[in-house]
C-alpha cells in the first residue's frame, strides 16, 4: 500500500468520526493550522537563508497578482 493510499485511509477514518458541524469546523481548523505552520516554517527558512528580507515582503504587499478579467472574451 502506498503512502497516498494510507493517508487516504487515515483521513477517511478521521472523517467517519465527524458527526456535527462543530466537529467538522474543528477538523477544518486543524488542517488549516497544519498547513499554516508548514508555510511559516518555509518562510522562516527562506528568511534565514537570505532569500527574502523585509524589502521582499514590502514588495509582495504592493503586488497586484489578480488575473485580469477579460470581459469581451466571456460575452456571448
PDB file of N, CA and C in Angstrom:
ATOM      1  N   UNK A   1       0.849  -1.179   0.000  1.00  0.00           N
ATOM      2  CA  UNK A   1       0.000   0.000   0.000  1.00  0.00           C
ATOM      3  C   UNK A   1       0.891   1.238   0.000  1.00  0.00           C
ATOM      4  N   UNK A   2       0.560   2.201  -0.859  1.00  0.00           N
ATOM      5  CA  UNK A   2       1.368   3.416  -0.966  1.00  0.00           C
ATOM      6  C   UNK A   2       1.053   4.379   0.184  1.00  0.00           C
ATOM      7  N   UNK A   3       1.931   5.342   0.382  1.00  0.00           N
ATOM      8  CA  UNK A   3       1.695   6.352   1.412  1.00  0.00           C
ATOM      9  C   UNK A   3       0.441   7.150   1.096  1.00  0.00           C
ATOM     10  N   UNK A   4       0.195   7.403  -0.171  1.00  0.00           N
ATOM     11  CA  UNK A   4      -1.001   8.130  -0.569  1.00  0.00           C
ATOM     12  C   UNK A   4      -2.260   7.357  -0.168  1.00  0.00           C
ATOM     13  N   UNK A   5      -2.260   6.064  -0.412  1.00  0.00           N
ATOM     14  CA  UNK A   5      -3.414   5.232  -0.043  1.00  0.00           C
ATOM     15  C   UNK A   5      -3.576   5.150   1.472  1.00  0.00           C
ATOM     16  N   UNK A   6      -2.456   5.042   2.194  1.00  0.00           N
ATOM     17  CA  UNK A   6      -2.520   5.004   3.655  1.00  0.00           C
ATOM     18  C   UNK A   6      -3.063   6.330   4.199  1.00  0.00           C
ATOM     19  N   UNK A   7      -2.638   7.426   3.587  1.00  0.00           N
ATOM     20  CA  UNK A   7      -3.111   8.746   4.004  1.00  0.00           C
ATOM     21  C   UNK A   7      -4.607   8.863   3.790  1.00  0.00           C
ATOM     22  N   UNK A   8      -5.064   8.409   2.643  1.00  0.00           N
ATOM     23  CA  UNK A   8      -6.495   8.471   2.357  1.00  0.00           C
ATOM     24  C   UNK A   8      -7.296   7.650   3.364  1.00  0.00           C
ATOM     25  N   UNK A   9      -6.802   6.472   3.718  1.00  0.00           N
ATOM     26  CA  UNK A   9      -7.493   5.651   4.711  1.00  0.00           C
ATOM     27  C   UNK A   9      -7.533   6.330   6.079  1.00  0.00           C
ATOM     28  N   UNK A  10      -6.420   6.921   6.470  1.00  0.00           N
ATOM     29  CA  UNK A  10      -6.376   7.619   7.761  1.00  0.00           C
ATOM     30  C   UNK A  10      -7.356   8.788   7.783  1.00  0.00           C
ATOM     31  N   UNK A  11      -7.390   9.534   6.683  1.00  0.00           N
ATOM     32  CA  UNK A  11      -8.324  10.655   6.609  1.00  0.00           C
ATOM     33  C   UNK A  11      -9.774  10.188   6.632  1.00  0.00           C
ATOM     34  N   UNK A  12     -10.066   9.119   5.914  1.00  0.00           N
ATOM     35  CA  UNK A  12     -11.430   8.589   5.922  1.00  0.00           C
ATOM     36  C   UNK A  12     -11.827   8.124   7.318  1.00  0.00           C
ATOM     37  N   UNK A  13     -10.908   7.487   8.030  1.00  0.00           N
ATOM     38  CA  UNK A  13     -11.185   7.070   9.412  1.00  0.00           C
ATOM     39  C   UNK A  13     -11.458   8.284  10.293  1.00  0.00           C
ATOM     40  N   UNK A  14     -10.675   9.330  10.131  1.00  0.00           N
ATOM     41  CA  UNK A  14     -10.878  10.545  10.923  1.00  0.00           C
ATOM     42  C   UNK A  14     -12.219  11.192  10.576  1.00  0.00           C
ATOM     43  N   UNK A  15     -12.525  11.237   9.297  1.00  0.00           N
ATOM     44  CA  UNK A  15     -13.766  11.873   8.860  1.00  0.00           C
ATOM     45  C   UNK A  15     -14.999  11.094   9.303  1.00  0.00           C
ATOM     46  N   UNK A  16     -14.871   9.786   9.460  1.00  0.00           N
ATOM     47  CA  UNK A  16     -16.002   8.983   9.929  1.00  0.00           C
ATOM     48  C   UNK A  16     -16.427   9.353  11.342  1.00  0.00           C
ATOM     49  N   UNK A  17     -15.529   9.954  12.113  1.00  0.00           N
ATOM     50  CA  UNK A  17     -15.853  10.350  13.485  1.00  0.00           C
ATOM     51  C   UNK A  17     -16.459  11.746  13.569  1.00  0.00           C
ATOM     52  N   UNK A  18     -16.565  12.417  12.460  1.00  0.00           N
ATOM     53  CA  UNK A  18     -17.153  13.762  12.450  1.00  0.00           C
ATOM     54  C   UNK A  18     -18.657  13.608  12.267  1.00  0.00           C
ATOM     55  N   UNK A  19     -19.389  13.998  13.311  1.00  0.00           N
ATOM     56  CA  UNK A  19     -20.834  13.829  13.266  1.00  0.00           C
ATOM     57  C   UNK A  19     -21.601  15.097  13.609  1.00  0.00           C
ATOM     58  N   UNK A  20     -20.908  16.229  13.534  1.00  0.00           N
ATOM     59  CA  UNK A  20     -21.590  17.506  13.784  1.00  0.00           C
ATOM     60  C   UNK A  20     -20.843  18.618  13.053  1.00  0.00           C
ATOM     61  N   UNK A  21     -21.526  19.712  12.875  1.00  0.00           N
ATOM     62  CA  UNK A  21     -20.897  20.857  12.217  1.00  0.00           C
ATOM     63  C   UNK A  21     -19.742  21.390  13.047  1.00  0.00           C
ATOM     64  N   UNK A  22     -19.888  21.351  14.360  1.00  0.00           N
ATOM     65  CA  UNK A  22     -18.821  21.842  15.243  1.00  0.00           C
ATOM     66  C   UNK A  22     -17.547  21.004  15.078  1.00  0.00           C
ATOM     67  N   UNK A  23     -17.715  19.673  14.996  1.00  0.00           N
ATOM     68  CA  UNK A  23     -16.547  18.811  14.813  1.00  0.00           C
ATOM     69  C   UNK A  23     -15.934  19.000  13.434  1.00  0.00           C
ATOM     70  N   UNK A  24     -16.773  19.217  12.427  1.00  0.00           N
ATOM     71  CA  UNK A  24     -16.262  19.480  11.081  1.00  0.00           C
ATOM     72  C   UNK A  24     -15.453  20.769  11.062  1.00  0.00           C
ATOM     73  N   UNK A  25     -15.975  21.810  11.699  1.00  0.00           N
ATOM     74  CA  UNK A  25     -15.243  23.081  11.756  1.00  0.00           C
ATOM     75  C   UNK A  25     -13.935  22.935  12.516  1.00  0.00           C
ATOM     76  N   UNK A  26     -13.938  22.147  13.582  1.00  0.00           N
ATOM     77  CA  UNK A  26     -12.707  21.907  14.334  1.00  0.00           C
ATOM     78  C   UNK A  26     -11.678  21.182  13.470  1.00  0.00           C
ATOM     79  N   UNK A  27     -12.135  20.183  12.713  1.00  0.00           N
ATOM     80  CA  UNK A  27     -11.238  19.449  11.824  1.00  0.00           C
ATOM     81  C   UNK A  27     -10.659  20.379  10.762  1.00  0.00           C
ATOM     82  N   UNK A  28     -11.496  21.206  10.154  1.00  0.00           N
ATOM     83  CA  UNK A  28     -11.011  22.134   9.124  1.00  0.00           C
ATOM     84  C   UNK A  28     -10.008  23.122   9.706  1.00  0.00           C
ATOM     85  N   UNK A  29     -10.252  23.578  10.935  1.00  0.00           N
ATOM     86  CA  UNK A  29      -9.303  24.488  11.591  1.00  0.00           C
ATOM     87  C   UNK A  29      -7.958  23.802  11.828  1.00  0.00           C
ATOM     88  N   UNK A  30      -7.994  22.535  12.231  1.00  0.00           N
ATOM     89  CA  UNK A  30      -6.749  21.794  12.464  1.00  0.00           C
ATOM     90  C   UNK A  30      -5.954  21.627  11.178  1.00  0.00           C
ATOM     91  N   UNK A  31      -6.642  21.315  10.089  1.00  0.00           N
ATOM     92  CA  UNK A  31      -5.963  21.157   8.802  1.00  0.00           C
ATOM     93  C   UNK A  31      -5.372  22.498   8.357  1.00  0.00           C
ATOM     94  N   UNK A  32      -6.144  23.570   8.508  1.00  0.00           N
ATOM     95  CA  UNK A  32      -5.651  24.898   8.130  1.00  0.00           C
ATOM     96  C   UNK A  32      -4.435  25.279   8.966  1.00  0.00           C
ATOM     97  N   UNK A  33      -4.483  25.008  10.264  1.00  0.00           N
ATOM     98  CA  UNK A  33      -3.360  25.321  11.148  1.00  0.00           C
ATOM     99  C   UNK A  33      -2.120  24.529  10.758  1.00  0.00           C
ATOM    100  N   UNK A  34      -2.301  23.253  10.410  1.00  0.00           N
ATOM    101  CA  UNK A  34      -1.184  22.409   9.986  1.00  0.00           C
ATOM    102  C   UNK A  34      -0.465  23.026   8.781  1.00  0.00           C
ATOM    103  N   UNK A  35      -1.237  23.409   7.759  1.00  0.00           N
ATOM    104  CA  UNK A  35      -0.611  23.965   6.565  1.00  0.00           C
ATOM    105  C   UNK A  35      -0.065  25.369   6.802  1.00  0.00           C
ATOM    106  N   UNK A  36      -0.691  26.136   7.685  1.00  0.00           N
ATOM    107  CA  UNK A  36      -0.167  27.465   8.020  1.00  0.00           C
ATOM    108  C   UNK A  36       1.193  27.339   8.709  1.00  0.00           C
ATOM    109  N   UNK A  37       1.328  26.353   9.594  1.00  0.00           N
ATOM    110  CA  UNK A  37       2.612  26.147  10.271  1.00  0.00           C
ATOM    111  C   UNK A  37       3.695  25.717   9.285  1.00  0.00           C
ATOM    112  N   UNK A  38       3.332  24.850   8.340  1.00  0.00           N
ATOM    113  CA  UNK A  38       4.302  24.428   7.322  1.00  0.00           C
ATOM    114  C   UNK A  38       4.739  25.620   6.475  1.00  0.00           C
ATOM    115  N   UNK A  39       3.803  26.465   6.106  1.00  0.00           N
ATOM    116  CA  UNK A  39       4.133  27.643   5.311  1.00  0.00           C
ATOM    117  C   UNK A  39       5.037  28.583   6.104  1.00  0.00           C
ATOM    118  N   UNK A  40       4.737  28.764   7.396  1.00  0.00           N
ATOM    119  CA  UNK A  40       5.557  29.647   8.229  1.00  0.00           C
ATOM    120  C   UNK A  40       6.979  29.116   8.347  1.00  0.00           C
ATOM    121  N   UNK A  41       7.134  27.792   8.503  1.00  0.00           N
ATOM    122  CA  UNK A  41       8.478  27.204   8.577  1.00  0.00           C
ATOM    123  C   UNK A  41       9.238  27.431   7.275  1.00  0.00           C
ATOM    124  N   UNK A  42       8.555  27.291   6.147  1.00  0.00           N
ATOM    125  CA  UNK A  42       9.209  27.503   4.853  1.00  0.00           C
ATOM    126  C   UNK A  42       9.621  28.962   4.691  1.00  0.00           C
ATOM    127  N   UNK A  43       8.767  29.882   5.105  1.00  0.00           N
ATOM    128  CA  UNK A  43       9.095  31.306   5.020  1.00  0.00           C
ATOM    129  C   UNK A  43      10.267  31.632   5.943  1.00  0.00           C
ATOM    130  N   UNK A  44      10.240  31.078   7.155  1.00  0.00           N
ATOM    131  CA  UNK A  44      11.352  31.306   8.095  1.00  0.00           C
ATOM    132  C   UNK A  44      12.670  30.800   7.517  1.00  0.00           C
ATOM    133  N   UNK A  45      12.632  29.641   6.843  1.00  0.00           N
ATOM    134  CA  UNK A  45      13.854  29.095   6.238  1.00  0.00           C
ATOM    135  C   UNK A  45      14.362  30.024   5.139  1.00  0.00           C
ATOM    136  N   UNK A  46      13.453  30.544   4.307  1.00  0.00           N
ATOM    137  CA  UNK A  46      13.857  31.479   3.252  1.00  0.00           C
ATOM    138  C   UNK A  46      14.466  32.746   3.849  1.00  0.00           C
ATOM    139  N   UNK A  47      13.900  33.213   4.956  1.00  0.00           N
ATOM    140  CA  UNK A  47      14.427  34.405   5.631  1.00  0.00           C
ATOM    141  C   UNK A  47      15.830  34.109   6.170  1.00  0.00           C
ATOM    142  N   UNK A  48      15.974  32.975   6.850  1.00  0.00           N
ATOM    143  CA  UNK A  48      17.268  32.614   7.441  1.00  0.00           C
ATOM    144  C   UNK A  48      18.354  32.437   6.378  1.00  0.00           C
ATOM    145  N   UNK A  49      17.966  31.962   5.192  1.00  0.00           N
ATOM    146  CA  UNK A  49      18.915  31.764   4.095  1.00  0.00           C
ATOM    147  C   UNK A  49      19.188  33.052   3.327  1.00  0.00           C
ATOM    148  N   UNK A  50      18.487  34.122   3.657  1.00  0.00           N
ATOM    149  CA  UNK A  50      18.692  35.394   2.987  1.00  0.00           C
ATOM    150  C   UNK A  50      18.006  35.502   1.633  1.00  0.00           C
ATOM    151  N   UNK A  51      17.121  34.558   1.335  1.00  0.00           N
ATOM    152  CA  UNK A  51      16.410  34.592   0.052  1.00  0.00           C
ATOM    153  C   UNK A  51      15.380  35.713   0.054  1.00  0.00           C
ATOM    154  N   UNK A  52      14.737  35.923   1.206  1.00  0.00           N
ATOM    155  CA  UNK A  52      13.785  37.031   1.349  1.00  0.00           C
ATOM    156  C   UNK A  52      14.209  37.894   2.520  1.00  0.00           C
ATOM    157  N   UNK A  53      13.751  39.138   2.481  1.00  0.00           N
ATOM    158  CA  UNK A  53      14.022  40.071   3.564  1.00  0.00           C
ATOM    159  C   UNK A  53      12.837  41.025   3.681  1.00  0.00           C
ATOM    160  N   UNK A  54      12.976  42.048   4.516  1.00  0.00           N
ATOM    161  CA  UNK A  54      11.875  42.985   4.727  1.00  0.00           C
ATOM    162  C   UNK A  54      11.460  43.675   3.426  1.00  0.00           C
ATOM    163  N   UNK A  55      12.434  43.993   2.600  1.00  0.00           N
ATOM    164  CA  UNK A  55      12.141  44.642   1.316  1.00  0.00           C
ATOM    165  C   UNK A  55      11.292  43.723   0.424  1.00  0.00           C
ATOM    166  N   UNK A  56      11.628  42.441   0.401  1.00  0.00           N
ATOM    167  CA  UNK A  56      10.875  41.470  -0.386  1.00  0.00           C
ATOM    168  C   UNK A  56       9.420  41.438   0.066  1.00  0.00           C
ATOM    169  N   UNK A  57       9.217  41.405   1.369  1.00  0.00           N
ATOM    170  CA  UNK A  57       7.862  41.342   1.914  1.00  0.00           C
ATOM    171  C   UNK A  57       7.094  42.614   1.591  1.00  0.00           C
ATOM    172  N   UNK A  58       7.761  43.756   1.653  1.00  0.00           N
ATOM    173  CA  UNK A  58       7.116  45.022   1.276  1.00  0.00           C
ATOM    174  C   UNK A  58       6.708  44.997  -0.190  1.00  0.00           C
ATOM    175  N   UNK A  59       7.552  44.442  -1.044  1.00  0.00           N
ATOM    176  CA  UNK A  59       7.217  44.330  -2.465  1.00  0.00           C
ATOM    177  C   UNK A  59       6.009  43.426  -2.668  1.00  0.00           C
ATOM    178  N   UNK A  60       5.958  42.319  -1.942  1.00  0.00           N
ATOM    179  CA  UNK A  60       4.806  41.414  -2.044  1.00  0.00           C
ATOM    180  C   UNK A  60       3.521  42.145  -1.662  1.00  0.00           C
ATOM    181  N   UNK A  61       3.610  42.994  -0.639  1.00  0.00           N
ATOM    182  CA  UNK A  61       2.427  43.735  -0.190  1.00  0.00           C
ATOM    183  C   UNK A  61       1.910  44.707  -1.226  1.00  0.00           C
ATOM    184  N   UNK A  62       2.784  45.153  -2.112  1.00  0.00           N
ATOM    185  CA  UNK A  62       2.389  46.126  -3.133  1.00  0.00           C
ATOM    186  C   UNK A  62       1.986  45.459  -4.451  1.00  0.00           C
ATOM    187  N   UNK A  63       2.181  44.156  -4.576  1.00  0.00           N
ATOM    188  CA  UNK A  63       1.870  43.465  -5.829  1.00  0.00           C
ATOM    189  C   UNK A  63       0.375  43.285  -6.011  1.00  0.00           C
ATOM    190  N   UNK A  64      -0.036  43.341  -7.268  1.00  0.00           N
ATOM    191  CA  UNK A  64      -1.411  43.041  -7.639  1.00  0.00           C
ATOM    192  C   UNK A  64      -1.355  41.795  -8.500  1.00  0.00           C
ATOM    193  N   UNK A  65      -1.703  40.666  -7.907  1.00  0.00           N
ATOM    194  CA  UNK A  65      -1.495  39.396  -8.585  1.00  0.00           C
ATOM    195  C   UNK A  65      -2.807  38.790  -9.100  1.00  0.00           C
ATOM    196  N   UNK A  66      -3.835  39.597  -9.214  1.00  0.00           N
ATOM    197  CA  UNK A  66      -5.100  39.091  -9.720  1.00  0.00           C
ATOM    198  C   UNK A  66      -5.012  38.840 -11.216  1.00  0.00           C
ATOM    199  N   UNK A  67      -5.692  37.821 -11.661  1.00  0.00           N
ATOM    200  CA  UNK A  67      -5.758  37.535 -13.086  1.00  0.00           C
ATOM    201  C   UNK A  67      -6.649  38.577 -13.744  1.00  0.00           C
ATOM    202  N   UNK A  68      -6.189  39.192 -14.822  1.00  0.00           N
ATOM    203  CA  UNK A  68      -7.027  40.209 -15.465  1.00  0.00           C
ATOM    204  C   UNK A  68      -8.331  39.592 -15.971  1.00  0.00           C
ATOM    205  N   UNK A  69      -9.403  40.296 -15.790  1.00  0.00           N
ATOM    206  CA  UNK A  69     -10.707  39.846 -16.244  1.00  0.00           C
ATOM    207  C   UNK A  69     -10.863  40.244 -17.698  1.00  0.00           C
ATOM    208  N   UNK A  70     -11.208  39.290 -18.506  1.00  0.00           N
ATOM    209  CA  UNK A  70     -11.370  39.547 -19.946  1.00  0.00           C
ATOM    210  C   UNK A  70     -12.857  39.515 -20.275  1.00  0.00           C
ATOM    211  N   UNK A  71     -13.502  40.630 -20.061  1.00  0.00           N
ATOM    212  CA  UNK A  71     -14.940  40.723 -20.234  1.00  0.00           C
ATOM    213  C   UNK A  71     -15.364  40.353 -21.649  1.00  0.00           C
ATOM    214  N   UNK A  72     -14.690  40.878 -22.642  1.00  0.00           N
ATOM    215  CA  UNK A  72     -15.085  40.633 -24.043  1.00  0.00           C
ATOM    216  C   UNK A  72     -14.998  39.163 -24.396  1.00  0.00           C
ATOM    217  N   UNK A  73     -14.035  38.451 -23.840  1.00  0.00           N
ATOM    218  CA  UNK A  73     -13.848  37.042 -24.183  1.00  0.00           C
ATOM    219  C   UNK A  73     -14.957  36.164 -23.611  1.00  0.00           C
ATOM    220  N   UNK A  74     -15.639  36.653 -22.557  1.00  0.00           N
ATOM    221  CA  UNK A  74     -16.660  35.844 -21.902  1.00  0.00           C
ATOM    222  C   UNK A  74     -18.070  36.229 -22.329  1.00  0.00           C
ATOM    223  N   UNK A  75     -18.207  37.203 -23.178  1.00  0.00           N
ATOM    224  CA  UNK A  75     -19.532  37.630 -23.622  1.00  0.00           C
ATOM    225  C   UNK A  75     -20.076  36.633 -24.639  1.00  0.00           C
ATOM    226  N   UNK A  76     -21.379  36.452 -24.600  1.00  0.00           N
ATOM    227  CA  UNK A  76     -21.984  35.559 -25.584  1.00  0.00           C
ATOM    228  C   UNK A  76     -22.893  36.293 -26.519  1.00  0.00           C
TER     229      UNK A  76
END
